[in-house]
Protein backbone atom coordinates (compact mmCIF):
# COMPACT_ATOMS: atom_id res chain seq x y z
CA THR A 1 0.00 0.00 0.00
CA LYS A 2 1.09 3.56 -0.75
CA ASP A 3 0.26 6.84 0.96
CA ILE A 4 -2.49 8.56 -1.01
CA PRO A 5 -3.00 12.36 -0.78
CA VAL A 6 -6.39 13.15 0.83
CA ALA A 7 -7.61 14.97 -2.30
CA ASN A 8 -7.09 11.85 -4.41
CA PHE A 9 -8.30 9.30 -1.88
CA ILE A 10 -11.93 9.02 -3.04
CA MET A 11 -10.85 8.61 -6.68
CA HIS A 12 -8.29 6.02 -5.60
CA GLU A 13 -10.89 4.11 -3.57
CA ILE A 14 -13.31 4.02 -6.54
CA HIS A 15 -10.53 2.85 -8.86
CA CYS A 16 -9.47 0.10 -6.45
CA SER A 17 -12.97 -1.21 -5.79
CA ARG A 18 -13.55 -1.46 -9.56
CA ASN A 19 -10.21 -3.03 -10.48
CA ILE A 20 -8.76 -4.81 -7.46
CA GLU A 21 -10.03 -7.86 -5.62
CA VAL A 22 -8.71 -9.48 -2.44
CA CYS A 23 -8.03 -13.18 -2.84
CA ARG A 24 -10.21 -15.14 -0.41
CA TYR A 25 -7.43 -17.73 0.12
CA CYS A 26 -4.24 -15.69 0.58
CA SER A 27 -5.59 -12.13 1.11
CA GLU A 28 -3.39 -10.74 -1.67
CA SER A 29 -4.71 -7.79 -3.68
CA ILE A 30 -5.06 -8.97 -7.25
CA PRO A 31 -6.27 -7.07 -10.34
CA LYS A 32 -9.73 -8.45 -11.19
CA SER A 33 -8.50 -9.24 -14.69
CA GLU A 34 -5.79 -11.49 -13.20
CA MET A 35 -7.91 -13.26 -10.56
CA LYS A 36 -8.77 -16.32 -12.66
CA ASN A 37 -5.09 -16.74 -13.51
CA HIS A 38 -4.09 -16.25 -9.87
CA MET A 39 -6.59 -18.86 -8.66
CA GLU A 40 -5.36 -21.45 -11.17
CA SER A 41 -1.63 -20.84 -10.71
CA GLU A 42 -1.60 -20.41 -6.91
CA HIS A 43 -4.64 -22.15 -5.48
CA GLY A 44 -5.55 -24.77 -8.07
CA GLN A 45 -5.44 -28.32 -6.73
CA VAL A 46 -2.71 -30.61 -8.03
CA THR A 47 -1.89 -34.20 -7.11
CA CYS A 48 1.58 -34.97 -5.77
CA LYS A 49 3.33 -38.20 -6.78
CA CYS A 50 2.35 -39.48 -3.30
CA ARG A 51 -1.31 -39.04 -4.40
CA MET A 52 -1.99 -36.22 -1.93
CA LYS A 53 -4.09 -33.37 -3.33
CA ILE A 54 -2.55 -30.01 -2.51
CA GLU A 55 -2.64 -26.36 -3.57
CA ARG A 56 -0.20 -25.71 -6.41
CA SER A 57 1.56 -22.95 -4.43
CA LEU A 58 2.27 -25.39 -1.56
CA LEU A 59 3.56 -28.24 -3.72
CA LYS A 60 7.26 -27.29 -3.72
CA ASP A 61 7.42 -27.11 0.09
CA HIS A 62 5.48 -30.38 0.38
CA GLU A 63 7.84 -32.14 -2.04
CA ALA A 64 10.90 -30.80 -0.21
CA SER A 65 9.95 -31.43 3.42
CA ALA A 66 6.72 -33.40 3.89
CA CYS A 67 6.20 -35.81 0.99
CA PRO A 68 6.76 -39.44 2.02
CA LEU A 69 8.23 -40.04 -1.46
CA ARG A 70 10.83 -37.24 -1.24
CA PRO A 71 14.45 -38.36 -1.74
CA ALA A 72 16.43 -39.14 1.41
CA LEU A 73 20.00 -40.30 2.04
CA CYS A 74 20.93 -43.14 4.39
CA GLN A 75 23.34 -41.81 7.03
CA TYR A 76 25.36 -45.06 6.94
CA CYS A 77 25.76 -45.92 3.25
CA ASP A 78 24.67 -42.69 1.44
CA ILE A 79 22.26 -44.62 -0.79
CA GLN A 80 19.29 -42.50 -1.91
CA LEU A 81 15.80 -43.84 -1.29
CA VAL A 82 12.35 -42.47 -0.58
CA PHE A 83 11.82 -40.95 2.86
CA SER A 84 9.07 -43.42 3.83
CA LYS A 85 11.56 -46.31 3.48
CA LEU A 86 14.46 -44.55 5.21
CA GLN A 87 13.78 -45.62 8.81
CA ASP A 88 13.49 -49.35 8.03
CA HIS A 89 16.57 -49.17 5.80
CA GLU A 90 18.65 -47.37 8.46
CA ILE A 91 17.70 -49.91 11.14
CA TYR A 92 18.96 -52.69 8.87
CA CYS A 93 21.93 -50.73 7.49
CA GLY A 94 23.06 -49.46 10.91
CA ALA A 95 23.19 -53.05 12.20
CA ARG A 96 25.74 -54.10 9.54
CA THR A 97 29.25 -54.46 10.90
CA GLU A 98 32.66 -53.27 9.79
CA ARG A 99 36.00 -54.45 11.21
CA CYS A 100 37.87 -51.77 13.14
CA GLY A 101 41.46 -51.34 11.93
CA GLY A 102 42.56 -50.40 15.47
CA CYS A 103 41.14 -53.13 17.71
CA GLY A 104 40.08 -55.71 15.12
CA ARG A 105 36.54 -56.03 16.52
CA ASN A 106 33.43 -55.96 14.33
CA ILE A 107 31.60 -52.69 15.03
CA MET A 108 28.03 -51.92 14.01
CA MET A 109 27.76 -49.10 11.46
CA LYS A 110 25.50 -47.15 13.85
CA ASP A 111 28.30 -47.22 16.48
CA LEU A 112 31.22 -46.39 14.18
CA LYS A 113 31.19 -42.63 14.88
CA GLU A 114 31.52 -43.11 18.65
CA HIS A 115 33.85 -46.13 18.43
CA PRO A 116 37.18 -44.24 18.20
CA GLN A 117 36.52 -42.79 21.68
CA VAL A 118 36.25 -46.26 23.24
CA CYS A 119 38.58 -48.21 20.90
CA GLY A 120 41.17 -50.08 22.98
């Protein structure tokens, strides 16, 4: 919004009420001629690859941080899989063992980071 001189305020108000509309979903002021476009591009429903229906404007955030099919990396082997399979994979992967070069014992992958502190 801009400061409008008092003398021009009534004309400005008439112009705005004729040409500008407030979006009922996001409260943005949109030219009436652009409202249909705005509704389709921002608030139209799309279906994510996880089959969830979501507003188009929210899709990128959903895909990046909430979608169960978003890519995720295993902390133990760096393989990429979908987020919904990550926990089961990491339980299995973290239980694999690797021989320690220092003490010769087999250490679980999930304990490898802490192992040097207790390695005999």
